[in-house]
Amino acid sequence: MKLLTLNEVSEMLRVSPNTVSYWVYRGVGPKSVKVGRRRLWNEVEVLAWLEAQSTPAQ
């Protein structure tokens, strides 16, 4: 399991770190965990969340 930092997640999703932090605050976005003072994301869960957000091309 690879854990990603805020900056890595924001780069992967092509949004700002502030956007990812806002998603955490709102309870939307990829699931994260707190380890000590750091918030981390499981890469597999981020990819699954991204897949769930995409709509099929029509």
N, C-alpha and C. Protein backbone atom coordinates (compact mmCIF):
# COMPACT_ATOMS: atom_id res chain seq x y z
N MET A 1 0.85 -1.17 0.00
CA MET A 1 0.00 0.00 0.00
C MET A 1 0.90 1.24 0.00
N LYS A 2 0.64 2.12 -0.95
CA LYS A 2 1.41 3.35 -1.04
C LYS A 2 0.54 4.50 -0.50
N LEU A 3 1.07 5.22 0.48
CA LEU A 3 0.37 6.37 1.04
C LEU A 3 0.88 7.65 0.40
N LEU A 4 -0.04 8.52 0.05
CA LEU A 4 0.29 9.77 -0.63
C LEU A 4 0.08 10.97 0.28
N THR A 5 0.90 11.98 0.08
CA THR A 5 0.76 13.23 0.83
C THR A 5 -0.25 14.14 0.13
N LEU A 6 -0.59 15.22 0.78
CA LEU A 6 -1.50 16.21 0.21
C LEU A 6 -1.01 16.70 -1.15
N ASN A 7 0.26 17.03 -1.24
CA ASN A 7 0.80 17.53 -2.50
C ASN A 7 0.77 16.47 -3.60
N GLU A 8 1.05 15.23 -3.25
CA GLU A 8 1.01 14.15 -4.25
C GLU A 8 -0.42 13.92 -4.76
N VAL A 9 -1.38 13.97 -3.86
CA VAL A 9 -2.78 13.81 -4.27
C VAL A 9 -3.21 14.96 -5.15
N SER A 10 -2.86 16.18 -4.77
CA SER A 10 -3.26 17.33 -5.58
C SER A 10 -2.63 17.29 -6.96
N GLU A 11 -1.38 16.84 -7.06
CA GLU A 11 -0.74 16.70 -8.37
C GLU A 11 -1.42 15.61 -9.19
N MET A 12 -1.75 14.50 -8.55
CA MET A 12 -2.39 13.39 -9.25
C MET A 12 -3.75 13.80 -9.81
N LEU A 13 -4.51 14.59 -9.03
CA LEU A 13 -5.85 14.99 -9.45
C LEU A 13 -5.86 16.31 -10.21
N ARG A 14 -4.69 16.95 -10.31
CA ARG A 14 -4.55 18.22 -11.01
C ARG A 14 -5.44 19.32 -10.44
N VAL A 15 -5.46 19.39 -9.11
CA VAL A 15 -6.14 20.46 -8.39
C VAL A 15 -5.17 21.02 -7.36
N SER A 16 -5.49 22.14 -6.79
CA SER A 16 -4.59 22.73 -5.81
C SER A 16 -4.68 21.99 -4.48
N PRO A 17 -3.61 22.06 -3.66
CA PRO A 17 -3.68 21.46 -2.33
C PRO A 17 -4.82 22.05 -1.50
N ASN A 18 -5.13 23.33 -1.70
CA ASN A 18 -6.25 23.94 -0.98
C ASN A 18 -7.58 23.28 -1.33
N THR A 19 -7.73 22.89 -2.59
CA THR A 19 -8.96 22.20 -3.01
C THR A 19 -9.09 20.87 -2.30
N VAL A 20 -8.00 20.10 -2.24
CA VAL A 20 -8.03 18.81 -1.57
C VAL A 20 -8.35 19.01 -0.08
N SER A 21 -7.74 20.01 0.54
CA SER A 21 -8.02 20.30 1.95
C SER A 21 -9.48 20.68 2.16
N TYR A 22 -10.04 21.43 1.22
CA TYR A 22 -11.46 21.80 1.30
C TYR A 22 -12.35 20.57 1.18
N TRP A 23 -11.99 19.65 0.29
CA TRP A 23 -12.75 18.40 0.16
C TRP A 23 -12.73 17.63 1.48
N VAL A 24 -11.58 17.61 2.15
CA VAL A 24 -11.49 16.93 3.44
C VAL A 24 -12.43 17.61 4.44
N TYR A 25 -12.40 18.91 4.48
CA TYR A 25 -13.26 19.68 5.38
C TYR A 25 -14.74 19.40 5.12
N ARG A 26 -15.11 19.32 3.83
CA ARG A 26 -16.51 19.08 3.45
C ARG A 26 -16.92 17.62 3.56
N GLY A 27 -15.94 16.71 3.64
CA GLY A 27 -16.25 15.29 3.71
C GLY A 27 -16.50 14.67 2.36
N VAL A 28 -15.99 15.31 1.32
CA VAL A 28 -16.07 14.77 -0.05
C VAL A 28 -14.65 14.49 -0.51
N GLY A 29 -14.52 13.93 -1.68
CA GLY A 29 -13.18 13.63 -2.18
C GLY A 29 -12.72 12.27 -1.72
N PRO A 30 -11.50 11.92 -2.08
CA PRO A 30 -10.98 10.60 -1.71
C PRO A 30 -10.82 10.46 -0.21
N LYS A 31 -11.08 9.26 0.28
CA LYS A 31 -10.96 8.96 1.71
C LYS A 31 -9.50 9.10 2.14
N SER A 32 -9.30 9.69 3.31
CA SER A 32 -7.95 9.86 3.84
C SER A 32 -7.91 9.36 5.28
N VAL A 33 -6.69 9.23 5.78
CA VAL A 33 -6.48 8.83 7.17
C VAL A 33 -5.51 9.80 7.80
N LYS A 34 -5.63 9.95 9.11
CA LYS A 34 -4.70 10.79 9.84
C LYS A 34 -3.68 9.90 10.52
N VAL A 35 -2.42 10.18 10.28
CA VAL A 35 -1.33 9.46 10.92
C VAL A 35 -0.53 10.51 11.68
N GLY A 36 -0.69 10.52 12.99
CA GLY A 36 -0.09 11.60 13.77
C GLY A 36 -0.74 12.91 13.39
N ARG A 37 0.05 13.86 12.97
CA ARG A 37 -0.48 15.15 12.53
C ARG A 37 -0.67 15.23 11.03
N ARG A 38 -0.24 14.18 10.32
CA ARG A 38 -0.31 14.19 8.86
C ARG A 38 -1.56 13.50 8.35
N ARG A 39 -2.12 14.01 7.28
CA ARG A 39 -3.22 13.36 6.59
C ARG A 39 -2.64 12.71 5.35
N LEU A 40 -2.97 11.42 5.17
CA LEU A 40 -2.44 10.66 4.05
C LEU A 40 -3.56 9.95 3.32
N TRP A 41 -3.31 9.65 2.05
CA TRP A 41 -4.29 8.99 1.20
C TRP A 41 -3.69 7.71 0.64
N ASN A 42 -4.48 6.65 0.63
CA ASN A 42 -4.08 5.40 0.01
C ASN A 42 -4.22 5.59 -1.51
N GLU A 43 -3.15 5.33 -2.25
CA GLU A 43 -3.16 5.55 -3.69
C GLU A 43 -4.28 4.79 -4.38
N VAL A 44 -4.53 3.56 -3.96
CA VAL A 44 -5.58 2.74 -4.58
C VAL A 44 -6.95 3.39 -4.37
N GLU A 45 -7.19 3.94 -3.19
CA GLU A 45 -8.47 4.59 -2.91
C GLU A 45 -8.63 5.89 -3.70
N VAL A 46 -7.54 6.62 -3.89
CA VAL A 46 -7.60 7.84 -4.69
C VAL A 46 -7.96 7.49 -6.13
N LEU A 47 -7.33 6.45 -6.67
CA LEU A 47 -7.62 6.03 -8.05
C LEU A 47 -9.06 5.52 -8.17
N ALA A 48 -9.55 4.79 -7.17
CA ALA A 48 -10.93 4.30 -7.19
C ALA A 48 -11.91 5.47 -7.13
N TRP A 49 -11.61 6.47 -6.29
CA TRP A 49 -12.47 7.65 -6.20
C TRP A 49 -12.50 8.39 -7.54
N LEU A 50 -11.35 8.52 -8.15
CA LEU A 50 -11.27 9.20 -9.44
C LEU A 50 -12.08 8.45 -10.49
N GLU A 51 -11.98 7.15 -10.51
CA GLU A 51 -12.75 6.34 -11.46
C GLU A 51 -14.25 6.52 -11.24
N ALA A 52 -14.66 6.57 -9.98
CA ALA A 52 -16.07 6.74 -9.67
C ALA A 52 -16.60 8.13 -10.09
N GLN A 53 -15.71 9.11 -10.16
CA GLN A 53 -16.12 10.47 -10.54
C GLN A 53 -16.28 10.62 -12.03
N SER A 54 -15.60 9.78 -12.80
CA SER A 54 -15.65 9.95 -14.25
C SER A 54 -16.97 9.40 -14.80
N THR A 55 -17.46 10.11 -15.77
CA THR A 55 -18.68 9.66 -16.43
C THR A 55 -18.30 9.08 -17.78
N PRO A 56 -19.01 8.06 -18.23
CA PRO A 56 -18.68 7.47 -19.52
C PRO A 56 -18.90 8.48 -20.65
N ALA A 57 -18.02 8.45 -21.63
CA ALA A 57 -18.15 9.35 -22.78
C ALA A 57 -19.33 8.91 -23.62
N GLN A 58 -20.13 9.87 -24.02
CA GLN A 58 -21.33 9.57 -24.80
C GLN A 58 -21.13 9.93 -26.25
